[in-house]
Amino acid sequence: MAAAALVLGAAGTGGWFYGELSGNIRGAGVGDALGDDRPRTVGGGTNILVIGSDSRAGLGGSYGGELATTQSDTLMLVHLSGSGEWATVVSFPRDSWVRIPACARGDGTTSTPHDFKINAAFAIGGATGDTAKAAACAIRTVERNAGVRVDHFVIVDFRGFTGMVNALDGVEVCPRRPIHDRKARLDLPAGCRTVRDREALGYVRARYSMGDGTDLGRIGRQQEFVRAVLAKAGSRLYDPESLYRFLDSATRSLTTDPGLAGLKPLYELASEVRDVPADRIAFLTVPNHPRARDVPGDTANVVWHEPAAGELFAALGQDREMTRDQLKKAAGRPAPATDSVPVTVLNGTDTPGRARELAGRLGALGFRVIATGNAPAPAGRSTLTYPEGLAAGARALATHLPGLDPAPAAGAASGAVTLTIGPDLPDLTG
């Protein structure tokens, strides 16, 4: 995120090294790997998926070289409003238990849809080192579970992170207690000190020795560190040497979609970010609760808390601002019990048995399917409608069908939420 934002503010100030820095940025096309069954664009604005790759390339095997696969250490969705007046940065806990759809691998094979933690998607697509396939699988996973279309992506690796921090002569952190984290290879005393190189990387990656030991505490620390990097970079950009070292490290660490692969498009994007008032940029985390609440014994993962998570994603998809207070209020509202939601499933495709198949899966999730059958006419797309009094139930069902927006039923009330299956029906999550 820091790299994407700061190539950024200063990219237009040094035309003499423009070509060299622009050439550092790697472009990766993902269009063919995303498929046609993507969320529809409903509102305005731009969504950028920022992926912090835990690749150790360029670190000489000195930091966690034993890692067998590359995963997304950090995953954020940055939404820039169509009006340019506000922005939202949403962090996805890396331990989010989600549905990972079928993804194309670099070796020509395709993975099988399954449930697992969200950060594994990047590794599945990139199993052979193909960055484009890795990004595509991460995007597909976010789109299928959040129901929000991703317009661009930016990948930042470990090497670029440490290079940027070092170019700033380090960043000050102030832990209240000593930190001893073997996995993050970090040993810091309490109090303020300037960290750089491996210490900086360890600080933003430390997890088990700090706070509650979960990824949620690390997300907050990473967001604070990003703010510190941005603030210090802004104060140092008057120095041409520091500016060049910072931008050189930043651009060498970046892989983007072709639409952002260059200083010019990144600078234009940065100009939009720079014009957003600081108090209108919300840093949020997807509402969640321990998966152990649903699956006793699983203390390692979290599931997204509904209906708050669904309301957050709906706001992004419709280009509506969501503040921290609004999200907190939404998180306090319980979702209706699934067994209280009557559902009718209709098959609008030419594939026999789709309604019965989906009804079985909905039943396994606790929904009360009262009828199945064929739609009166072929459905060009899937729909989810509800009669008066069942809006909350429809939203609860929609959380398992990313990208499907509930709508009031036209005409007479049916007494049930009606799901009509079209050829675009997204994978069922949960």
Protein backbone atom coordinates (compact mmCIF):
# COMPACT_ATOMS: atom_id res chain seq x y z
CA MET A 1 0.00 0.00 0.00
CA ALA A 2 2.81 2.41 0.86
CA ALA A 3 4.53 1.69 -2.44
CA ALA A 4 1.36 2.13 -4.43
CA ALA A 5 0.59 5.42 -2.72
CA LEU A 6 4.02 6.95 -2.90
CA VAL A 7 5.35 6.13 -6.25
CA LEU A 8 2.73 8.13 -6.39
CA GLY A 9 2.88 11.50 -4.83
CA ALA A 10 6.36 12.24 -6.15
CA ALA A 11 6.37 10.42 -9.46
CA GLY A 12 6.04 13.61 -11.46
CA THR A 13 8.92 15.46 -9.78
CA GLY A 14 11.92 13.77 -11.40
CA GLY A 15 11.46 13.59 -15.16
CA TRP A 16 15.13 12.80 -15.69
CA PHE A 17 14.73 9.31 -14.19
CA TYR A 18 11.16 8.73 -15.30
CA GLY A 19 12.00 6.11 -17.92
CA GLU A 20 14.25 4.09 -15.63
CA LEU A 21 11.79 3.97 -12.74
CA SER A 22 8.82 3.29 -14.98
CA GLY A 23 10.70 0.36 -16.48
CA ASN A 24 11.11 -1.18 -13.02
CA ILE A 25 7.38 -1.85 -12.72
CA ARG A 26 6.29 -5.28 -13.92
CA GLY A 27 2.94 -5.72 -15.63
CA ALA A 28 0.97 -8.97 -15.45
CA GLY A 29 -2.15 -9.59 -17.51
CA VAL A 30 -4.87 -11.56 -15.70
CA GLY A 31 -7.92 -11.07 -17.90
CA ASP A 32 -7.97 -14.57 -19.42
CA ALA A 33 -7.68 -16.21 -15.99
CA LEU A 34 -10.58 -14.33 -14.37
CA GLY A 35 -13.36 -15.91 -16.41
CA ASP A 36 -16.70 -14.43 -17.40
CA ASP A 37 -18.63 -15.05 -14.18
CA ARG A 38 -17.47 -11.92 -12.39
CA PRO A 39 -19.51 -9.53 -10.21
CA ARG A 40 -21.39 -6.88 -12.12
CA THR A 41 -20.39 -3.24 -11.73
CA VAL A 42 -23.35 -1.58 -10.01
CA GLY A 43 -22.01 1.69 -8.63
CA GLY A 44 -19.11 3.93 -9.59
CA GLY A 45 -15.64 4.25 -8.14
CA THR A 46 -12.52 2.14 -8.58
CA ASN A 47 -11.48 -0.97 -6.63
CA ILE A 48 -7.78 -1.83 -6.34
CA LEU A 49 -6.65 -5.06 -4.68
CA VAL A 50 -3.33 -4.53 -2.89
CA ILE A 51 -1.45 -7.77 -2.25
CA GLY A 52 1.56 -7.93 0.05
CA SER A 53 3.48 -10.96 -1.20
CA ASP A 54 5.60 -12.89 1.31
CA SER A 55 8.03 -13.88 -1.43
CA ARG A 56 11.60 -14.02 -0.10
CA ALA A 57 13.12 -13.41 -3.54
CA GLY A 58 16.06 -11.06 -3.29
CA LEU A 59 16.53 -11.54 0.45
CA GLY A 60 19.27 -14.12 0.05
CA GLY A 61 17.42 -16.78 2.01
CA SER A 62 18.07 -14.81 5.19
CA TYR A 63 14.42 -14.31 6.12
CA GLY A 64 12.21 -17.37 6.20
CA GLY A 65 13.88 -19.03 3.23
CA GLU A 66 12.33 -22.32 4.24
CA LEU A 67 8.87 -21.20 3.01
CA ALA A 68 7.73 -23.58 0.26
CA THR A 69 5.07 -21.40 -1.33
CA THR A 70 4.35 -17.72 -1.84
CA GLN A 71 1.22 -16.46 -0.09
CA SER A 72 -0.49 -13.10 0.31
CA ASP A 73 0.84 -11.85 3.61
CA THR A 74 -1.37 -8.76 3.40
CA LEU A 75 -4.59 -8.31 1.43
CA MET A 76 -6.41 -4.98 1.15
CA LEU A 77 -9.14 -3.64 -1.12
CA VAL A 78 -8.84 0.09 -1.78
CA HIS A 79 -12.05 1.73 -2.99
CA LEU A 80 -11.76 5.22 -4.48
CA SER A 81 -15.19 6.81 -4.74
CA GLY A 82 -16.49 7.98 -8.08
CA SER A 83 -16.93 11.47 -6.65
CA GLY A 84 -13.32 11.60 -5.47
CA GLU A 85 -14.54 12.84 -2.07
CA TRP A 86 -13.81 9.73 0.01
CA ALA A 87 -11.97 6.42 0.01
CA THR A 88 -12.15 3.16 1.93
CA VAL A 89 -9.32 0.73 2.63
CA VAL A 90 -10.60 -2.70 3.68
CA SER A 91 -8.19 -5.25 5.18
CA PHE A 92 -8.98 -8.96 4.82
CA PRO A 93 -7.74 -11.08 7.74
CA ARG A 94 -5.39 -13.61 6.15
CA ASP A 95 -6.99 -16.36 8.27
CA SER A 96 -10.47 -15.70 6.80
CA TRP A 97 -12.11 -19.06 6.08
CA VAL A 98 -13.64 -18.64 2.62
CA ARG A 99 -14.60 -20.50 -0.53
CA ILE A 100 -11.65 -20.58 -2.95
CA PRO A 101 -13.00 -21.06 -6.49
CA ALA A 102 -11.39 -23.08 -9.27
CA CYS A 103 -8.23 -21.30 -10.37
CA ALA A 104 -5.90 -21.74 -13.34
CA ARG A 105 -2.38 -22.71 -12.32
CA GLY A 106 0.78 -21.90 -14.21
CA ASP A 107 1.24 -25.54 -15.22
CA GLY A 108 -1.97 -25.64 -17.25
CA THR A 109 -4.05 -27.42 -14.60
CA THR A 110 -7.04 -26.05 -12.69
CA SER A 111 -7.54 -26.28 -8.94
CA THR A 112 -10.67 -27.73 -7.36
CA PRO A 113 -13.04 -25.36 -5.51
CA HIS A 114 -12.68 -25.82 -1.77
CA ASP A 115 -12.90 -24.03 1.57
CA PHE A 116 -9.68 -22.70 3.09
CA LYS A 117 -8.05 -19.54 4.41
CA ILE A 118 -8.04 -16.64 1.99
CA ASN A 119 -4.27 -16.10 1.77
CA ALA A 120 -3.83 -19.56 0.20
CA ALA A 121 -5.46 -18.38 -3.05
CA PHE A 122 -2.34 -16.47 -4.11
CA ALA A 123 -0.24 -19.59 -3.54
CA ILE A 124 -2.61 -21.83 -5.49
CA GLY A 125 -2.50 -19.69 -8.61
CA GLY A 126 1.22 -19.06 -8.24
CA ALA A 127 2.27 -22.62 -7.46
CA THR A 128 4.69 -22.57 -10.41
CA GLY A 129 5.87 -19.00 -9.87
CA ASP A 130 3.43 -17.42 -12.32
CA THR A 131 2.62 -14.05 -10.74
CA ALA A 132 -0.29 -13.37 -13.09
CA LYS A 133 -1.98 -16.65 -12.16
CA ALA A 134 -1.33 -15.95 -8.46
CA ALA A 135 -2.95 -12.52 -8.70
CA ALA A 136 -5.86 -13.90 -10.73
CA CYS A 137 -6.68 -16.55 -8.11
CA ALA A 138 -6.55 -13.94 -5.32
CA ILE A 139 -8.85 -11.67 -7.32
CA ARG A 140 -11.30 -14.49 -8.11
CA THR A 141 -11.42 -15.43 -4.44
CA VAL A 142 -12.09 -11.87 -3.28
CA GLU A 143 -14.69 -11.31 -5.99
CA ARG A 144 -16.54 -14.57 -5.30
CA ASN A 145 -16.69 -14.04 -1.53
CA ALA A 146 -17.14 -10.26 -1.36
CA GLY A 147 -19.20 -9.86 -4.53
CA VAL A 148 -17.21 -6.73 -5.45
CA ARG A 149 -15.51 -6.40 -8.82
CA VAL A 150 -11.76 -5.71 -8.72
CA ASP A 151 -10.64 -3.17 -11.34
CA HIS A 152 -6.87 -3.17 -10.72
CA PHE A 153 -4.28 -4.94 -8.59
CA VAL A 154 -0.89 -4.08 -7.10
CA ILE A 155 1.54 -6.63 -5.63
CA VAL A 156 4.29 -5.43 -3.27
CA ASP A 157 7.02 -7.89 -2.18
CA PHE A 158 9.19 -8.07 0.97
CA ARG A 159 12.32 -6.80 -0.79
CA GLY A 160 10.59 -3.60 -1.88
CA PHE A 161 9.18 -3.05 1.60
CA THR A 162 12.58 -3.20 3.30
CA GLY A 163 14.15 -1.11 0.54
CA MET A 164 11.60 1.68 1.01
CA VAL A 165 12.05 1.72 4.78
CA ASN A 166 15.84 1.76 4.43
CA ALA A 167 15.68 4.60 1.90
CA LEU A 168 13.93 6.63 4.60
CA ASP A 169 16.67 5.74 7.12
CA GLY A 170 14.13 3.70 9.03
CA VAL A 171 10.76 4.38 10.66
CA GLU A 172 10.11 4.98 14.36
CA VAL A 173 7.97 2.51 16.32
CA CYS A 174 7.09 2.62 20.01
CA PRO A 175 6.13 -0.79 21.43
CA ARG A 176 4.85 -0.59 24.99
CA ARG A 177 6.30 -3.98 25.90
CA PRO A 178 9.39 -5.90 24.74
CA ILE A 179 8.79 -8.02 21.65
CA HIS A 180 10.38 -11.43 21.32
CA ASP A 181 8.98 -13.21 18.29
CA ARG A 182 10.95 -16.17 16.96
CA LYS A 183 8.78 -16.64 13.86
CA ALA A 184 9.14 -13.00 12.86
CA ARG A 185 12.83 -13.08 13.90
CA LEU A 186 12.27 -10.00 16.00
CA ASP A 187 13.77 -8.97 19.34
CA LEU A 188 12.83 -5.40 20.33
CA PRO A 189 12.97 -3.67 23.74
CA ALA A 190 10.05 -1.56 24.93
CA GLY A 191 10.07 2.11 24.02
CA CYS A 192 10.60 4.13 20.88
CA ARG A 193 13.30 3.23 18.38
CA THR A 194 13.90 3.46 14.66
CA VAL A 195 13.58 0.15 12.81
CA ARG A 196 14.82 -0.74 9.37
CA ASP A 197 15.68 -3.76 7.26
CA ARG A 198 14.75 -7.05 9.02
CA GLU A 199 13.55 -5.30 12.18
CA ALA A 200 10.98 -3.28 10.20
CA LEU A 201 9.82 -6.37 8.35
CA GLY A 202 9.62 -8.36 11.56
CA TYR A 203 7.63 -5.61 13.28
CA VAL A 204 4.84 -5.57 10.70
CA ARG A 205 4.82 -9.39 10.47
CA ALA A 206 5.02 -10.22 14.20
CA ARG A 207 1.89 -11.91 15.39
CA TYR A 208 2.11 -14.57 18.08
CA SER A 209 4.09 -12.52 20.61
CA MET A 210 1.99 -9.36 20.40
CA GLY A 211 -1.55 -8.45 21.44
CA ASP A 212 -3.98 -11.35 21.22
CA GLY A 213 -1.73 -13.36 18.91
CA THR A 214 -4.13 -13.14 15.97
CA ASP A 215 -3.84 -11.60 12.53
CA LEU A 216 -6.31 -8.91 13.57
CA GLY A 217 -3.78 -7.20 15.83
CA ARG A 218 -1.19 -7.36 13.08
CA ILE A 219 -3.58 -5.68 10.63
CA GLY A 220 -3.91 -2.66 12.92
CA ARG A 221 -0.13 -2.48 13.38
CA GLN A 222 0.42 -2.67 9.62
CA GLN A 223 -2.06 0.15 9.00
CA GLU A 224 -0.27 2.31 11.58
CA PHE A 225 3.11 1.53 10.02
CA VAL A 226 1.82 2.50 6.56
CA ARG A 227 0.73 5.87 7.96
CA ALA A 228 4.20 6.34 9.50
CA VAL A 229 5.94 5.48 6.22
CA LEU A 230 3.73 7.90 4.29
CA ALA A 231 4.35 10.69 6.80
CA LYS A 232 8.12 10.26 6.81
CA ALA A 233 8.32 9.88 3.05
CA GLY A 234 6.37 13.10 2.65
CA SER A 235 8.92 14.92 4.82
CA ARG A 236 11.93 13.50 2.95
CA LEU A 237 10.92 13.94 -0.67
CA TYR A 238 12.74 17.27 -0.94
CA ASP A 239 16.03 15.33 -0.96
CA PRO A 240 16.66 14.08 -4.55
CA GLU A 241 18.93 11.23 -3.40
CA SER A 242 16.46 9.95 -0.81
CA LEU A 243 13.61 10.37 -3.29
CA TYR A 244 15.39 8.34 -5.93
CA ARG A 245 16.33 5.53 -3.53
CA PHE A 246 12.78 5.37 -2.22
CA LEU A 247 11.14 5.32 -5.64
CA ASP A 248 13.68 2.86 -7.01
CA SER A 249 12.91 0.40 -4.20
CA ALA A 250 9.18 1.02 -4.50
CA THR A 251 8.99 0.49 -8.25
CA ARG A 252 11.26 -2.57 -8.20
CA SER A 253 8.87 -4.20 -5.73
CA LEU A 254 5.73 -3.62 -7.78
CA THR A 255 3.80 -5.90 -10.08
CA THR A 256 0.52 -4.52 -11.39
CA ASP A 257 -2.10 -5.16 -14.03
CA PRO A 258 -1.17 -3.66 -17.42
CA GLY A 259 -3.44 -0.69 -16.80
CA LEU A 260 -1.24 0.50 -13.91
CA ALA A 261 2.17 -0.68 -15.17
CA GLY A 262 3.99 2.63 -15.41
CA LEU A 263 4.67 5.81 -13.48
CA LYS A 264 2.13 7.82 -15.44
CA PRO A 265 -0.96 5.72 -14.57
CA LEU A 266 0.25 5.32 -10.98
CA TYR A 267 0.80 9.05 -10.70
CA GLU A 268 -2.71 9.72 -12.03
CA LEU A 269 -4.08 7.27 -9.49
CA ALA A 270 -2.06 8.94 -6.75
CA SER A 271 -3.44 12.32 -7.72
CA GLU A 272 -6.93 10.99 -6.98
CA VAL A 273 -5.81 9.68 -3.58
CA ARG A 274 -4.02 12.91 -2.72
CA ASP A 275 -7.17 14.96 -3.26
CA VAL A 276 -9.20 12.91 -0.76
CA PRO A 277 -9.40 14.62 2.67
CA ALA A 278 -7.55 12.62 5.32
CA ASP A 279 -10.67 12.42 7.50
CA ARG A 280 -12.61 10.84 4.61
CA ILE A 281 -10.23 7.89 4.23
CA ALA A 282 -11.54 5.01 6.34
CA PHE A 283 -9.27 2.09 7.30
CA LEU A 284 -11.58 -0.86 8.00
CA THR A 285 -11.27 -4.59 8.62
CA VAL A 286 -13.86 -7.09 7.40
CA PRO A 287 -16.08 -7.84 10.44
CA ASN A 288 -15.38 -11.35 11.64
CA HIS A 289 -15.65 -13.79 14.53
CA PRO A 290 -13.65 -16.91 15.50
CA ARG A 291 -14.52 -19.94 13.39
CA ALA A 292 -14.46 -21.94 16.62
CA ARG A 293 -17.91 -20.49 17.29
CA ASP A 294 -19.19 -22.57 14.35
CA VAL A 295 -16.57 -25.33 14.24
CA PRO A 296 -15.37 -26.19 17.77
CA GLY A 297 -11.66 -26.81 17.86
CA ASP A 298 -10.73 -24.46 15.00
CA THR A 299 -8.94 -21.72 16.91
CA ALA A 300 -6.75 -20.67 13.97
CA ASN A 301 -9.30 -19.13 11.58
CA VAL A 302 -12.07 -16.56 11.43
CA VAL A 303 -15.28 -16.27 9.42
CA TRP A 304 -16.83 -13.04 8.22
CA HIS A 305 -19.53 -11.75 10.53
CA GLU A 306 -22.90 -11.22 8.92
CA PRO A 307 -24.83 -9.18 8.15
CA ALA A 308 -22.12 -6.53 8.73
CA ALA A 309 -19.63 -7.94 6.21
CA GLY A 310 -22.34 -8.16 3.56
CA GLU A 311 -23.38 -4.55 4.24
CA LEU A 312 -19.76 -3.41 3.92
CA PHE A 313 -19.30 -5.14 0.57
CA ALA A 314 -22.68 -3.92 -0.68
CA ALA A 315 -21.63 -0.35 0.15
CA LEU A 316 -18.38 -0.74 -1.80
CA GLY A 317 -20.17 -2.30 -4.76
CA GLN A 318 -22.69 0.54 -4.85
CA ASP A 319 -20.08 3.27 -4.24
CA ARG A 320 -21.54 4.27 -0.87
CA GLU A 321 -19.32 5.54 1.92
CA MET A 322 -18.99 3.31 5.00
CA THR A 323 -17.40 4.83 8.09
CA ARG A 324 -15.87 2.99 11.02
CA ASP A 325 -18.82 3.97 13.23
CA GLN A 326 -21.34 2.76 10.65
CA LEU A 327 -19.55 -0.57 10.33
CA LYS A 328 -19.37 -0.96 14.10
CA LYS A 329 -23.11 -0.36 14.33
CA ALA A 330 -23.77 -2.91 11.59
CA ALA A 331 -21.59 -5.47 13.36
CA GLY A 332 -23.80 -5.17 16.42
CA ARG A 333 -26.90 -6.34 14.54
CA PRO A 334 -27.41 -10.12 14.63
CA ALA A 335 -28.25 -11.97 11.44
CA PRO A 336 -31.59 -13.79 11.36
CA ALA A 337 -31.39 -17.51 12.09
CA THR A 338 -31.11 -19.35 8.79
CA ASP A 339 -33.81 -21.85 9.74
CA SER A 340 -36.26 -18.96 9.95
CA VAL A 341 -35.76 -18.05 6.28
CA PRO A 342 -38.16 -19.87 3.89
CA VAL A 343 -36.61 -20.30 0.44
CA THR A 344 -37.95 -21.37 -2.95
CA VAL A 345 -35.33 -22.43 -5.51
CA LEU A 346 -36.16 -22.31 -9.23
CA ASN A 347 -33.99 -23.61 -12.05
CA GLY A 348 -33.78 -21.12 -14.91
CA THR A 349 -31.03 -22.98 -16.78
CA ASP A 350 -31.16 -25.89 -19.22
CA THR A 351 -29.18 -28.12 -16.81
CA PRO A 352 -31.52 -30.58 -15.07
CA GLY A 353 -31.30 -30.94 -11.30
CA ARG A 354 -29.73 -27.55 -10.49
CA ALA A 355 -32.58 -26.55 -8.16
CA ARG A 356 -32.44 -29.81 -6.18
CA GLU A 357 -28.65 -29.67 -5.96
CA LEU A 358 -28.60 -26.11 -4.66
CA ALA A 359 -31.51 -26.77 -2.31
CA GLY A 360 -29.46 -29.51 -0.68
CA ARG A 361 -26.54 -27.19 -0.13
CA LEU A 362 -28.78 -24.47 1.28
CA GLY A 363 -30.34 -27.00 3.61
CA ALA A 364 -26.89 -27.96 4.84
CA LEU A 365 -26.37 -24.30 5.73
CA GLY A 366 -29.59 -24.34 7.76
CA PHE A 367 -31.97 -22.58 5.36
CA ARG A 368 -35.54 -23.88 5.18
CA VAL A 369 -36.15 -24.75 1.51
CA ILE A 370 -39.91 -25.08 1.10
CA ALA A 371 -40.06 -25.73 -2.66
CA THR A 372 -37.98 -26.40 -5.75
CA GLY A 373 -38.90 -26.42 -9.43
CA ASN A 374 -38.28 -24.96 -12.84
CA ALA A 375 -38.53 -21.25 -13.54
CA PRO A 376 -41.48 -20.28 -15.81
CA ALA A 377 -38.97 -19.08 -18.43
CA PRO A 378 -35.19 -19.35 -19.02
CA ALA A 379 -33.27 -16.93 -16.82
CA GLY A 380 -30.61 -14.79 -18.45
CA ARG A 381 -29.12 -14.13 -15.02
CA SER A 382 -29.70 -15.26 -11.45
CA THR A 383 -32.07 -13.27 -9.25
CA LEU A 384 -32.94 -13.20 -5.57
CA THR A 385 -36.29 -11.67 -4.64
CA TYR A 386 -38.19 -11.36 -1.40
CA PRO A 387 -41.69 -10.39 -0.26
CA GLU A 388 -42.47 -7.82 2.40
CA GLY A 389 -41.06 -8.81 5.77
CA LEU A 390 -38.27 -11.07 4.47
CA ALA A 391 -35.67 -8.49 3.44
CA ALA A 392 -33.31 -9.49 6.29
CA GLY A 393 -33.66 -13.16 5.39
CA ALA A 394 -32.85 -12.41 1.75
CA ARG A 395 -29.73 -10.53 2.80
CA ALA A 396 -28.70 -13.47 4.99
CA LEU A 397 -29.02 -15.79 1.99
CA ALA A 398 -27.20 -13.30 -0.26
CA THR A 399 -24.14 -13.45 1.98
CA HIS A 400 -23.64 -17.02 0.70
CA LEU A 401 -24.12 -15.96 -2.93
CA PRO A 402 -21.58 -13.17 -3.57
CA GLY A 403 -22.58 -10.68 -6.24
CA LEU A 404 -26.29 -11.46 -6.02
CA ASP A 405 -28.27 -8.44 -4.81
CA PRO A 406 -31.70 -9.08 -3.18
CA ALA A 407 -34.62 -7.15 -4.68
CA PRO A 408 -38.25 -6.75 -3.55
CA ALA A 409 -40.58 -9.22 -5.25
CA ALA A 410 -42.81 -7.78 -7.93
CA GLY A 411 -46.52 -8.53 -7.73
CA ALA A 412 -48.10 -10.80 -5.13
CA ALA A 413 -46.05 -11.91 -2.15
CA SER A 414 -44.81 -15.49 -2.43
CA GLY A 415 -44.26 -16.06 1.29
CA ALA A 416 -40.65 -17.03 0.66
CA VAL A 417 -37.36 -15.71 -0.59
CA THR A 418 -37.11 -16.87 -4.21
CA LEU A 419 -33.78 -17.79 -5.76
CA THR A 420 -33.94 -18.20 -9.54
CA ILE A 421 -30.84 -19.89 -10.91
CA GLY A 422 -29.30 -18.44 -14.05
CA PRO A 423 -26.08 -19.33 -15.87
CA ASP A 424 -24.15 -16.75 -13.83
CA LEU A 425 -24.94 -18.16 -10.37
CA PRO A 426 -21.81 -17.68 -8.22
CA ASP A 427 -20.28 -20.44 -6.11
CA LEU A 428 -22.11 -21.00 -2.84
CA THR A 429 -19.95 -20.00 0.13
CA GLY A 430 -20.04 -21.13 3.70
